[in-house]
Structure formats: structure tokens, C-alpha cells
Protein backbone atom coordinates (compact mmCIF):
# COMPACT_ATOMS: atom_id res chain seq x y z
CA UNK A 1 -22.21 -13.80 18.60
CA UNK A 2 -18.47 -14.98 19.17
CA UNK A 3 -16.85 -16.75 15.86
CA UNK A 4 -14.73 -19.60 16.67
CA UNK A 5 -11.41 -19.78 15.81
CA UNK A 6 -11.10 -22.05 12.48
CA UNK A 7 -9.57 -25.15 14.49
CA UNK A 8 -12.50 -25.08 17.08
CA UNK A 9 -14.56 -24.89 14.37
CA UNK A 10 -12.94 -27.84 12.53
CA UNK A 11 -13.06 -30.05 15.94
CA UNK A 12 -16.97 -29.29 16.46
CA UNK A 13 -17.71 -29.78 12.78
CA UNK A 14 -15.39 -33.40 13.22
CA UNK A 15 -17.38 -34.66 16.17
CA UNK A 16 -21.11 -33.27 15.31
CA UNK A 17 -20.72 -34.78 11.42
CA UNK A 18 -19.89 -37.98 9.72
CA UNK A 19 -16.81 -37.76 7.36
CA UNK A 20 -18.60 -37.78 4.31
CA UNK A 21 -20.39 -34.71 4.91
CA UNK A 22 -17.25 -32.95 6.27
CA UNK A 23 -15.52 -34.03 2.79
CA UNK A 24 -18.19 -32.49 0.80
CA UNK A 25 -18.65 -29.29 2.98
CA UNK A 26 -14.56 -28.90 2.37
CA UNK A 27 -15.59 -29.98 -1.69
CA UNK A 28 -17.88 -26.88 -1.28
CA UNK A 29 -15.98 -24.32 0.40
CA UNK A 30 -12.82 -25.45 -2.18
CA UNK A 31 -14.93 -24.44 -5.31
CA UNK A 32 -16.23 -21.20 -3.22
CA UNK A 33 -12.61 -20.00 -3.02
CA UNK A 34 -11.58 -20.93 -6.14
CA UNK A 35 -14.52 -17.97 -7.20
CA UNK A 36 -12.89 -15.39 -5.14
CA UNK A 37 -8.98 -16.81 -6.34
CA UNK A 38 -10.54 -15.96 -9.57
CA UNK A 39 -12.09 -12.64 -9.19
CA UNK A 40 -8.59 -11.20 -8.21
CA UNK A 41 -7.43 -12.51 -11.29
CA UNK A 42 -9.64 -10.04 -13.06
CA UNK A 43 -9.10 -7.25 -11.07
CA UNK A 44 -5.30 -7.53 -10.93
CA UNK A 45 -5.44 -8.30 -14.59
CA UNK A 46 -7.95 -5.67 -15.29
CA UNK A 47 -10.18 -8.24 -17.23
CA UNK A 48 -14.04 -8.23 -17.82
CA UNK A 49 -16.11 -11.30 -17.42
CA UNK A 50 -16.10 -11.08 -21.16
CA UNK A 51 -12.43 -10.79 -21.46
CA UNK A 52 -11.67 -13.54 -18.77
CA UNK A 53 -14.53 -15.94 -20.47
CA UNK A 54 -12.01 -15.18 -23.76
CA UNK A 55 -8.93 -15.98 -21.41
CA UNK A 56 -10.06 -19.71 -20.59
CA UNK A 57 -11.82 -20.18 -24.14
CA UNK A 58 -15.85 -20.11 -22.10
CA UNK A 59 -18.47 -17.47 -22.10
CA UNK A 60 -19.05 -14.68 -20.03
CA UNK A 61 -22.11 -16.18 -18.52
CA UNK A 62 -19.77 -19.62 -17.76
CA UNK A 63 -17.64 -16.84 -15.89
CA UNK A 64 -20.75 -16.08 -14.06
CA UNK A 65 -21.58 -19.08 -12.69
CA UNK A 66 -17.47 -19.94 -12.16
CA UNK A 67 -17.39 -16.92 -9.58
CA UNK A 68 -20.91 -17.64 -8.04
CA UNK A 69 -19.86 -21.60 -7.86
CA UNK A 70 -16.36 -22.04 -8.02
CA UNK A 71 -14.49 -23.25 -10.99
CA UNK A 72 -15.30 -26.71 -12.92
CA UNK A 73 -13.20 -29.78 -12.18
CA UNK A 74 -11.72 -29.83 -16.19
CA UNK A 75 -10.65 -26.41 -15.83
CA UNK A 76 -8.91 -26.05 -11.92
CA UNK A 77 -5.36 -27.02 -13.47
CA UNK A 78 -5.50 -23.68 -16.13
CA UNK A 79 -6.74 -21.82 -13.67
CA UNK A 80 -4.15 -22.39 -10.86
CA UNK A 81 -1.65 -21.96 -13.27
CA UNK A 82 -2.91 -18.00 -14.08
CA UNK A 83 -3.76 -17.93 -10.65
CA UNK A 84 0.36 -18.60 -9.65
CA UNK A 85 1.24 -16.31 -12.62
CA UNK A 86 -0.82 -13.47 -10.61
CA UNK A 87 0.98 -14.84 -7.81
CA UNK A 88 4.33 -13.69 -9.17
CA UNK A 89 3.30 -10.83 -10.91
CA UNK A 90 1.77 -9.12 -7.60
CA UNK A 91 4.85 -10.24 -5.96
CA UNK A 92 7.37 -8.28 -7.95
CA UNK A 93 5.09 -5.69 -10.27
CA UNK A 94 3.63 -2.93 -8.50
CA UNK A 95 -0.36 -3.65 -9.09
CA UNK A 96 -1.32 -0.69 -11.59
CA UNK A 97 1.43 -2.36 -13.94
CA UNK A 98 0.13 -5.71 -13.95
CA UNK A 99 -2.68 -4.97 -16.80
CA UNK A 100 -0.21 -3.41 -19.04
CA UNK A 101 2.77 -6.64 -18.69
CA UNK A 102 0.00 -8.91 -19.06
CA UNK A 103 -1.23 -7.34 -22.56
CA UNK A 104 2.42 -6.66 -23.31
CA UNK A 105 3.99 -8.88 -26.17
CA UNK A 106 7.43 -9.85 -25.07
CA UNK A 107 10.84 -11.74 -26.59
CA UNK A 108 10.54 -13.79 -23.88
CA UNK A 109 6.94 -15.20 -24.69
CA UNK A 110 7.84 -15.92 -27.68
CA UNK A 111 6.41 -12.66 -28.98
CA UNK A 112 3.24 -12.91 -27.62
CA UNK A 113 1.47 -11.42 -24.06
CA UNK A 114 0.62 -13.65 -21.46
CA UNK A 115 -2.62 -13.29 -22.07
CA UNK A 116 -2.60 -14.87 -25.55
CA UNK A 117 -0.25 -17.52 -24.60
CA UNK A 118 -3.04 -18.51 -21.82
CA UNK A 119 -5.94 -17.94 -24.44
CA UNK A 120 -4.27 -20.41 -26.46
CA UNK A 121 -4.37 -22.92 -24.31
CA UNK A 122 -0.81 -22.92 -23.08
CA UNK A 123 -1.22 -22.21 -19.10
CA UNK A 124 1.63 -24.13 -18.46
CA UNK A 125 3.94 -22.21 -20.75
CA UNK A 126 2.77 -18.58 -19.38
CA UNK A 127 3.64 -19.96 -15.31
CA UNK A 128 6.97 -21.34 -16.98
CA UNK A 129 7.81 -18.46 -18.42
CA UNK A 130 6.70 -15.91 -15.58
CA UNK A 131 8.32 -17.79 -13.46
CA UNK A 132 11.84 -17.64 -15.51
CA UNK A 133 11.13 -13.90 -15.62
CA UNK A 134 11.70 -13.45 -12.06
CA UNK A 135 14.24 -16.06 -11.69
CA UNK A 136 16.71 -13.67 -9.90
CA UNK A 137 19.21 -16.04 -8.98
CA UNK A 138 20.08 -16.59 -12.38
CA UNK A 139 20.74 -12.72 -13.45
CA UNK A 140 24.00 -13.97 -11.70
CA UNK A 141 25.45 -16.99 -13.24
């Protein structure tokens, strides 16, 4: 069986189903993809399900559900911040350094670690400070 290209598959789905069904499919795909992105955070930060749960203030059972069914809407923004932090770390650091970097307290982080900032509910601040760490244009000012 030949797998259709995404553009062709989308055209076929739109032709065969009503807009409401397609929107529900898109929502389900986004939920499933959010679980995969969360697995990437776990892998790169080297976190167990319990540690990931502590990061977001939920149980490891809740994390298992998020990984299976996707991140709930009320946590999507916080998870997106952590995903963005992960993107920056992966771009500028060797992968094997990421677990130590997210756990290390730093002056630039107010004597906290990225894990501590996110666990305290400050994911926006963690992202802002991570962006500052890699703002190389400021280094020449």
C-alpha cells in the first residue's frame, strides 16, 4: 500500500468528511502529538514520569495519561513553554549536557534551576531566561 502525501491525504479527508469531523480529527492529532513532544522533554531532560509529574505539579499517573491522550488544554501553555526551553537547549547544547543544565542552579536564573522554576509554576520565566542565555546578539553590545 502506498502512503499518500499529507497534502493529498488532507484533500481526500476534506472531500470525504464534513468540516466538523475534520476539525475533531485535527484536535485529536494535536493532542496525540503533544504527548509525543512531552516524551521528547522527558528523554532530553532525563526525567522519569514521577519527575515529569513533579515538574508540572501532577501525579505520574496523570503524566501517563498525558503521554497517551495528550496534554489537557489547561496545561498546554506551561507544557509549550517547557517544549520551547527544550528546543533552545537542544539547539545550543550537546544533548548529553541538557540533564545537568536543567538541574543546575545559576545566577542568571535567580539561584534556581530550570527544573525548580518550572516546578514552582514559573514556566514563562524559565523560557524568558533561557532565551536570554542564548541571546548572542547581546554579547557584542
